[in-house]
Amino acid sequence: MITVSIVNVTSYTGLELLRLLAGHPEFVVTSVTGRSSAGQRLDEVFPQLASGRNHRSTGSEVGSLVLTEKAGQTDLAFVCLPHAAAAETVVELLARDIKVVDLSADFRLHDVEVYESWYQHHHPAPALLETTPYGLPERYRARIAASSLVANPGCHATTTILALLPAIAAELIGPDIIVSTLTGISGAGRGLKVSSLYAEQDEDTSAYSLGGHRHLAEITQELEAAASAGGHPLQQPLRLTFVPHVLPMSRGLLATCYADTRKSTLNIEEIRAIYAEYYANEPFVRIIDTPPHTKWTTGTNTCLIYPTLDQRTGRLLVVSCLDNLCKGASGQAIQNANLLAGLSETSGLPMVSLYP
C-alpha cells in the first residue's frame, strides 16, 4: 500500500480527494491536516464520513483520522492550500522525501516574473518553477512519472487547453482565440464570501475577472508550448481573450472556444477526425458528436469535447466540459499521483457520471 496525506483536507478539493481515495485500490490515507479543526476526528467535522472505510486499511475508518496541523510522514502528499501558502509547505514536504501533487497555482507557471506578476507574491522556490512538470497527463505523461513534484492545473485551464490542443498541434487556427467559460460555485472554494451566499447566487449569473483571470497565464503558457513543440511556433504571440462566468450550480465547468481557421477548405468531418486521432489513446478525454452538458461529467475524471465549424464565418468552435472538482482538480491530482507511483493512470478514478 502507498501511504498518502492530504494537506488542508477541509477544502472542497481536499474532501473530493478523500472521497475518491476512499475507493482507491493502492493508496491509503493516513494523514489529514486542517489548522482550524486540528485535534478533531474527521467525522466530528464532517459527520457524513462516519461510515466511510479507508479502503483496504486495517479496519480503520476514514472518519477516525485525526486532523493535525502538519502532515505525517507518508509516501505521497496532496497539497490543497491556496497559492502563496502552498509553496512553503511543498518545499518542506519535498525535503522530507515525500512526493507531492500541488493543487495550488504555485508551481504551474515556469517563469517566476510571470508568476509574481499574476499572483502578487514573492515565490519562495523559484528554481522549482523551471523543473516542475505541468500536471496535464495528456501532454506531459513521461515527465510527470519521472518527477517528485507535479503542478496540478487549474480547472478553467484544463478545460480550455484540452479543447484547443489538437487544433494548435494541427495548425488549424491562428493566434486570435476567444474562450468563454461557465463554472459552478464550488470553484470559489469553501471560504465564506458574500458572493457565494445562496441568496446572491440563486437565479443569477455573471462574468468575472474581465481584467484577466489568473488561469489565463497557464493557458497561454501551455498553448504556446504546444505550438512550439510541433516545430511550428506561432508567428505572432497568442492573443487570447478569456471570460469566465459563474452559474448557480455546485459543480461543473463548460468552455466554448472560438478561433479563425487557417484553411478555407476545412470541413467538420476533417476537424472531428483530427480531434479523434489526437485523443485516441487518452482514457479520460472523449470526443463526442453532440454538444456536452456539465451533468454528463459530474463525479467523473472525464473531459467531453465537441469540435465543430461555424460554416458561415469559417470559425472553429470547440465546446468542452468537465467536473471542476474532479478532472478540474482532485481527480486529475489522483491521475497524476498514479503516474508518480507507477500505477495504472485510471486507478481509482470514476468513468461514469452521477445522473441526474
Protein backbone atom coordinates (compact mmCIF):
# COMPACT_ATOMS: atom_id res chain seq x y z
CA MET A 1 0.00 0.00 0.00
CA ILE A 2 1.09 3.57 -0.70
CA THR A 3 0.51 5.98 2.18
CA VAL A 4 -0.99 9.36 1.40
CA SER A 5 -1.55 12.63 3.25
CA ILE A 6 -3.99 15.39 2.34
CA VAL A 7 -2.90 18.88 3.38
CA ASN A 8 -5.95 21.08 4.07
CA VAL A 9 -8.48 18.27 3.78
CA THR A 10 -11.31 20.63 4.83
CA SER A 11 -11.25 22.38 1.43
CA TYR A 12 -13.56 21.27 -1.37
CA THR A 13 -10.61 19.78 -3.26
CA GLY A 14 -9.41 18.03 -0.09
CA LEU A 15 -12.79 16.48 0.54
CA GLU A 16 -13.10 15.40 -3.08
CA LEU A 17 -9.69 13.75 -2.79
CA LEU A 18 -10.86 11.93 0.32
CA ARG A 19 -14.00 10.69 -1.47
CA LEU A 20 -12.02 9.36 -4.42
CA LEU A 21 -9.12 7.93 -2.39
CA ALA A 22 -11.51 6.01 -0.12
CA GLY A 23 -12.08 3.69 -3.08
CA HIS A 24 -8.54 3.62 -4.46
CA PRO A 25 -7.04 0.10 -4.64
CA GLU A 26 -3.45 1.15 -3.77
CA PHE A 27 -3.49 4.49 -1.94
CA VAL A 28 -4.41 4.66 1.73
CA VAL A 29 -4.94 7.98 3.50
CA THR A 30 -3.05 8.02 6.81
CA SER A 31 -2.69 11.75 7.48
CA VAL A 32 -5.01 14.74 7.07
CA THR A 33 -4.40 18.34 8.07
CA GLY A 34 -6.67 21.27 8.77
CA ARG A 35 -5.49 24.03 11.09
CA SER A 36 -8.88 25.30 12.21
CA SER A 37 -10.01 21.76 13.09
CA ALA A 38 -6.71 20.32 14.37
CA GLY A 39 -7.21 17.73 17.12
CA GLN A 40 -10.67 16.70 15.94
CA ARG A 41 -11.62 13.49 14.18
CA LEU A 42 -12.74 13.87 10.59
CA ASP A 43 -16.20 12.50 11.37
CA GLU A 44 -16.62 15.16 14.05
CA VAL A 45 -16.05 17.87 11.48
CA PHE A 46 -17.81 16.03 8.64
CA PRO A 47 -20.40 13.60 10.07
CA GLN A 48 -21.04 12.14 6.60
CA LEU A 49 -17.65 10.40 6.87
CA ALA A 50 -18.61 8.35 9.93
CA SER A 51 -19.25 5.16 7.96
CA GLY A 52 -16.68 5.60 5.19
CA ARG A 53 -13.98 2.95 5.43
CA ASN A 54 -10.43 3.63 4.35
CA HIS A 55 -10.17 1.11 1.51
CA ARG A 56 -8.02 -1.96 2.30
CA SER A 57 -6.98 -0.50 5.64
CA THR A 58 -6.71 -2.48 8.84
CA GLY A 59 -10.36 -1.93 9.65
CA SER A 60 -9.97 1.77 10.49
CA GLU A 61 -12.47 4.23 9.14
CA VAL A 62 -11.70 7.38 7.17
CA GLY A 63 -13.71 9.32 9.72
CA SER A 64 -11.47 8.17 12.57
CA LEU A 65 -8.46 10.06 11.20
CA VAL A 66 -7.50 12.96 13.45
CA LEU A 67 -6.73 16.29 11.83
CA THR A 68 -3.28 17.70 12.55
CA GLU A 69 -1.52 20.95 11.73
CA LYS A 70 1.40 19.24 10.00
CA ALA A 71 1.29 16.33 7.56
CA GLY A 72 2.62 12.99 8.77
CA GLN A 73 5.40 11.05 7.06
CA THR A 74 3.81 9.42 4.01
CA ASP A 75 4.88 8.26 0.56
CA LEU A 76 2.90 10.96 -1.19
CA ALA A 77 1.08 14.16 -0.30
CA PHE A 78 -1.66 16.21 -1.93
CA VAL A 79 -1.40 19.92 -1.06
CA CYS A 80 -4.74 21.74 -1.19
CA LEU A 81 -3.65 25.07 0.23
CA PRO A 82 -4.23 28.42 -1.52
CA HIS A 83 -1.49 29.87 -3.69
CA ALA A 84 1.32 31.55 -1.74
CA ALA A 85 0.62 29.35 1.30
CA ALA A 86 1.20 26.14 -0.67
CA ALA A 87 4.75 26.71 -1.90
CA GLU A 88 6.43 26.72 1.51
CA THR A 89 4.62 23.54 2.53
CA VAL A 90 5.57 21.85 -0.74
CA VAL A 91 9.26 22.67 -0.20
CA GLU A 92 9.11 21.24 3.33
CA LEU A 93 7.44 18.02 2.15
CA LEU A 94 9.99 17.53 -0.64
CA ALA A 95 12.79 17.93 1.93
CA ARG A 96 11.20 15.02 3.83
CA ASP A 97 11.42 12.86 0.67
CA ILE A 98 7.63 12.94 0.15
CA LYS A 99 6.36 13.12 -3.43
CA VAL A 100 3.87 15.95 -3.91
CA VAL A 101 0.93 16.81 -6.11
CA ASP A 102 0.27 20.51 -5.54
CA LEU A 103 -3.28 21.65 -6.32
CA SER A 104 -2.47 25.35 -5.92
CA ALA A 105 -1.13 27.64 -8.64
CA ASP A 106 2.30 27.99 -7.06
CA PHE A 107 4.23 25.77 -9.48
CA ARG A 108 2.15 25.94 -12.68
CA LEU A 109 3.99 28.84 -14.30
CA HIS A 110 7.61 28.32 -15.37
CA ASP A 111 8.63 31.99 -15.36
CA VAL A 112 8.97 33.50 -11.88
CA GLU A 113 8.33 37.02 -13.17
CA VAL A 114 5.08 35.90 -14.79
CA TYR A 115 4.05 34.16 -11.57
CA GLU A 116 4.80 37.16 -9.38
CA SER A 117 3.03 39.49 -11.80
CA TRP A 118 -0.19 37.46 -11.75
CA TYR A 119 -0.18 36.36 -8.12
CA GLN A 120 1.44 39.40 -6.48
CA HIS A 121 3.58 37.20 -4.28
CA HIS A 122 7.33 36.58 -3.96
CA HIS A 123 7.94 32.94 -4.81
CA PRO A 124 9.99 31.11 -2.13
CA ALA A 125 11.37 28.45 -4.50
CA PRO A 126 11.78 29.94 -7.99
CA ALA A 127 14.22 27.25 -9.11
CA LEU A 128 11.46 24.65 -8.86
CA LEU A 129 9.30 26.54 -11.37
CA GLU A 130 11.61 25.60 -14.23
CA THR A 131 11.73 21.90 -13.43
CA THR A 132 8.21 21.10 -12.15
CA PRO A 133 6.04 19.48 -14.83
CA TYR A 134 2.65 20.97 -15.56
CA GLY A 135 0.28 18.21 -14.47
CA LEU A 136 -1.69 17.61 -17.65
CA PRO A 137 -1.07 13.91 -18.36
CA GLU A 138 -2.36 14.25 -21.91
CA ARG A 139 0.72 16.43 -22.59
CA TYR A 140 3.39 15.53 -20.06
CA ARG A 141 2.83 11.92 -19.04
CA ALA A 142 6.50 10.86 -19.12
CA ARG A 143 7.78 13.97 -17.30
CA ILE A 144 5.15 13.59 -14.59
CA ALA A 145 6.04 9.94 -13.99
CA ALA A 146 9.72 10.84 -13.53
CA SER A 147 9.16 13.76 -11.14
CA SER A 148 8.80 14.23 -7.38
CA LEU A 149 6.54 17.28 -7.69
CA VAL A 150 3.63 17.90 -10.04
CA ALA A 151 1.77 21.18 -10.51
CA ASN A 152 -1.89 20.25 -10.89
CA PRO A 153 -3.55 22.52 -13.49
CA GLY A 154 -6.42 24.90 -12.88
CA CYS A 155 -9.94 23.84 -13.83
CA HIS A 156 -10.54 26.56 -16.46
CA ALA A 157 -7.09 25.86 -17.86
CA THR A 158 -7.63 22.10 -18.13
CA THR A 159 -10.93 22.52 -19.95
CA THR A 160 -9.58 25.12 -22.36
CA ILE A 161 -6.22 23.53 -23.10
CA LEU A 162 -7.73 20.12 -23.81
CA ALA A 163 -10.26 21.80 -26.11
CA LEU A 164 -7.60 23.57 -28.18
CA LEU A 165 -4.53 21.29 -28.15
CA PRO A 166 -5.48 19.28 -31.29
CA ALA A 167 -6.23 22.47 -33.25
CA ILE A 168 -2.93 24.05 -32.18
CA ALA A 169 -0.94 20.89 -32.93
CA ALA A 170 -2.51 20.54 -36.40
CA GLU A 171 -2.05 24.26 -37.15
CA LEU A 172 -5.75 24.66 -37.80
CA ILE A 173 -6.05 28.05 -36.13
CA GLY A 174 -4.22 31.35 -35.81
CA PRO A 175 -3.19 33.26 -32.68
CA ASP A 176 -6.54 35.03 -32.11
CA ILE A 177 -8.67 32.93 -29.74
CA ILE A 178 -11.72 33.71 -27.60
CA VAL A 179 -12.75 31.47 -24.71
CA SER A 180 -15.89 31.79 -22.61
CA THR A 181 -16.33 29.51 -19.59
CA LEU A 182 -19.24 28.70 -17.26
CA THR A 183 -18.40 27.38 -13.81
CA GLY A 184 -20.15 26.14 -10.69
CA ILE A 185 -19.93 27.92 -7.34
CA SER A 186 -17.59 25.34 -5.78
CA GLY A 187 -14.81 26.80 -7.94
CA ALA A 188 -14.68 29.70 -5.46
CA GLY A 189 -13.83 27.36 -2.58
CA ARG A 190 -15.36 26.89 0.89
CA GLY A 191 -14.36 30.26 2.27
CA LEU A 192 -17.21 32.48 3.47
CA LYS A 193 -17.89 35.12 0.82
CA VAL A 194 -20.98 37.28 0.29
CA SER A 195 -20.88 36.48 -3.44
CA SER A 196 -21.17 32.74 -2.68
CA LEU A 197 -24.27 33.01 -0.49
CA TYR A 198 -27.37 31.20 -1.76
CA ALA A 199 -29.43 34.40 -1.99
CA GLU A 200 -26.69 36.02 -4.07
CA GLN A 201 -26.11 33.13 -6.48
CA ASP A 202 -29.58 31.64 -6.93
CA GLU A 203 -31.24 32.61 -10.23
CA ASP A 204 -28.24 34.72 -11.15
CA THR A 205 -25.19 34.60 -13.42
CA SER A 206 -22.36 37.00 -14.09
CA ALA A 207 -19.00 37.38 -15.78
CA TYR A 208 -15.98 37.97 -13.58
CA SER A 209 -12.23 38.68 -13.77
CA LEU A 210 -12.64 40.61 -17.02
CA GLY A 211 -9.37 42.35 -16.28
CA GLY A 212 -7.61 38.98 -16.55
CA HIS A 213 -8.28 35.68 -14.82
CA ARG A 214 -5.17 34.03 -13.35
CA HIS A 215 -5.74 30.82 -15.30
CA LEU A 216 -5.15 32.85 -18.48
CA ALA A 217 -1.41 32.77 -17.78
CA GLU A 218 -1.18 28.98 -17.70
CA ILE A 219 -3.50 28.58 -20.71
CA THR A 220 -1.26 30.90 -22.73
CA GLN A 221 1.91 29.18 -21.49
CA GLU A 222 0.69 25.72 -22.46
CA LEU A 223 -0.87 26.57 -25.83
CA GLU A 224 2.27 28.42 -26.92
CA ALA A 225 4.38 25.48 -25.74
CA ALA A 226 2.19 23.08 -27.73
CA ALA A 227 2.65 25.19 -30.86
CA SER A 228 6.43 25.25 -30.41
CA ALA A 229 6.55 21.51 -29.69
CA GLY A 230 5.11 20.82 -33.13
CA GLY A 231 8.01 22.61 -34.78
CA HIS A 232 5.79 25.45 -35.97
CA PRO A 233 5.67 28.14 -33.27
CA LEU A 234 3.06 30.83 -33.69
CA GLN A 235 4.20 33.64 -35.96
CA GLN A 236 2.64 36.12 -33.54
CA PRO A 237 2.11 36.00 -29.78
CA LEU A 238 -1.12 34.30 -28.76
CA ARG A 239 -3.96 36.82 -28.44
CA LEU A 240 -6.33 35.07 -26.06
CA THR A 241 -9.47 36.68 -24.68
CA PHE A 242 -10.75 34.67 -21.72
CA VAL A 243 -14.03 35.47 -19.95
CA PRO A 244 -15.29 33.21 -17.11
CA HIS A 245 -18.86 33.24 -15.80
CA VAL A 246 -20.31 31.77 -12.61
CA LEU A 247 -23.62 29.88 -12.58
CA PRO A 248 -25.86 28.75 -9.68
CA MET A 249 -24.75 25.11 -9.76
CA SER A 250 -22.47 23.29 -7.35
CA ARG A 251 -20.15 21.55 -9.80
CA GLY A 252 -19.25 21.63 -13.45
CA LEU A 253 -17.30 23.70 -15.95
CA LEU A 254 -18.05 24.28 -19.62
CA ALA A 255 -15.81 26.13 -22.07
CA THR A 256 -16.72 27.43 -25.51
CA CYS A 257 -13.69 28.28 -27.64
CA TYR A 258 -13.71 30.31 -30.88
CA ALA A 259 -10.87 30.75 -33.38
CA ASP A 260 -10.48 31.60 -37.06
CA THR A 261 -9.28 28.67 -39.15
CA ARG A 262 -6.23 28.88 -41.41
CA LYS A 263 -7.68 26.62 -44.11
CA SER A 264 -10.71 27.84 -46.06
CA THR A 265 -11.47 24.32 -47.30
CA LEU A 266 -11.64 22.74 -43.84
CA ASN A 267 -14.83 20.82 -43.06
CA ILE A 268 -16.45 19.41 -39.94
CA GLU A 269 -15.52 15.82 -40.72
CA GLU A 270 -11.82 16.69 -41.01
CA ILE A 271 -11.90 18.59 -37.72
CA ARG A 272 -13.54 15.71 -35.85
CA ALA A 273 -11.09 13.22 -37.38
CA ILE A 274 -8.14 15.34 -36.20
CA TYR A 275 -9.56 15.50 -32.68
CA ALA A 276 -10.43 11.80 -32.58
CA GLU A 277 -6.90 10.82 -33.66
CA TYR A 278 -5.22 13.20 -31.21
CA TYR A 279 -7.07 11.75 -28.22
CA ALA A 280 -7.41 8.17 -29.47
CA ASN A 281 -5.43 6.69 -26.58
CA GLU A 282 -6.50 9.03 -23.80
CA PRO A 283 -8.67 7.30 -21.18
CA PHE A 284 -10.26 10.48 -19.81
CA VAL A 285 -10.91 12.51 -22.96
CA ARG A 286 -13.86 11.69 -25.18
CA ILE A 287 -14.72 13.32 -28.49
CA ILE A 288 -18.48 13.34 -28.86
CA ASP A 289 -20.87 14.23 -31.69
CA THR A 290 -23.26 16.42 -29.74
CA PRO A 291 -22.68 19.50 -27.53
CA PRO A 292 -21.96 18.23 -23.99
CA HIS A 293 -23.77 19.03 -20.75
CA THR A 294 -21.89 19.58 -17.50
CA LYS A 295 -24.05 16.93 -15.79
CA TRP A 296 -22.61 14.33 -18.12
CA THR A 297 -19.28 14.62 -16.30
CA THR A 298 -20.43 15.06 -12.68
CA GLY A 299 -18.31 12.96 -10.32
CA THR A 300 -16.02 11.67 -13.09
CA ASN A 301 -12.49 12.38 -14.29
CA THR A 302 -13.72 12.69 -17.86
CA CYS A 303 -13.47 15.67 -20.21
CA LEU A 304 -16.01 15.72 -23.05
CA ILE A 305 -15.10 17.64 -26.21
CA TYR A 306 -17.31 18.65 -29.11
CA PRO A 307 -15.42 20.27 -32.02
CA THR A 308 -17.34 21.77 -34.92
CA LEU A 309 -17.21 24.51 -37.55
CA ASP A 310 -19.29 27.66 -37.92
CA GLN A 311 -19.66 27.39 -41.67
CA ARG A 312 -20.97 30.94 -42.04
CA THR A 313 -17.82 32.51 -40.62
CA GLY A 314 -15.25 29.73 -41.03
CA ARG A 315 -14.51 29.76 -37.32
CA LEU A 316 -13.59 26.68 -35.33
CA LEU A 317 -15.94 26.14 -32.37
CA VAL A 318 -14.97 23.76 -29.60
CA VAL A 319 -17.19 23.06 -26.59
CA SER A 320 -15.61 21.12 -23.74
CA CYS A 321 -16.76 20.32 -20.24
CA LEU A 322 -15.66 18.54 -17.07
CA ASP A 323 -16.34 18.36 -13.35
CA ASN A 324 -14.32 21.24 -11.92
CA LEU A 325 -13.68 19.32 -8.68
CA CYS A 326 -12.69 16.08 -10.41
CA LYS A 327 -10.83 16.32 -13.74
CA GLY A 328 -10.54 20.03 -12.97
CA ALA A 329 -8.83 19.43 -9.62
CA SER A 330 -8.84 16.36 -7.35
CA GLY A 331 -9.45 13.65 -9.94
CA GLN A 332 -6.64 14.94 -12.12
CA ALA A 333 -4.46 15.13 -8.99
CA ILE A 334 -5.02 11.40 -8.45
CA GLN A 335 -4.37 10.76 -12.14
CA ASN A 336 -1.01 12.49 -11.64
CA ALA A 337 -0.36 10.62 -8.37
CA ASN A 338 -0.99 7.32 -10.16
CA LEU A 339 1.75 8.26 -12.62
CA LEU A 340 4.12 9.28 -9.81
CA ALA A 341 3.54 5.94 -8.11
CA GLY A 342 3.90 3.86 -11.28
CA LEU A 343 0.28 2.72 -11.17
CA SER A 344 -2.33 2.47 -13.88
CA GLU A 345 -3.35 6.03 -14.74
CA THR A 346 -7.04 5.19 -14.35
CA SER A 347 -6.70 3.51 -10.97
CA GLY A 348 -9.37 4.58 -8.51
CA LEU A 349 -10.95 7.12 -10.86
CA PRO A 350 -14.65 7.00 -11.86
CA MET A 351 -15.57 6.96 -15.55
CA VAL A 352 -19.38 7.02 -15.26
CA SER A 353 -21.14 10.20 -14.14
CA LEU A 354 -23.72 10.72 -11.43
CA TYR A 355 -27.04 11.42 -13.11
CA PRO A 356 -29.30 13.29 -12.74
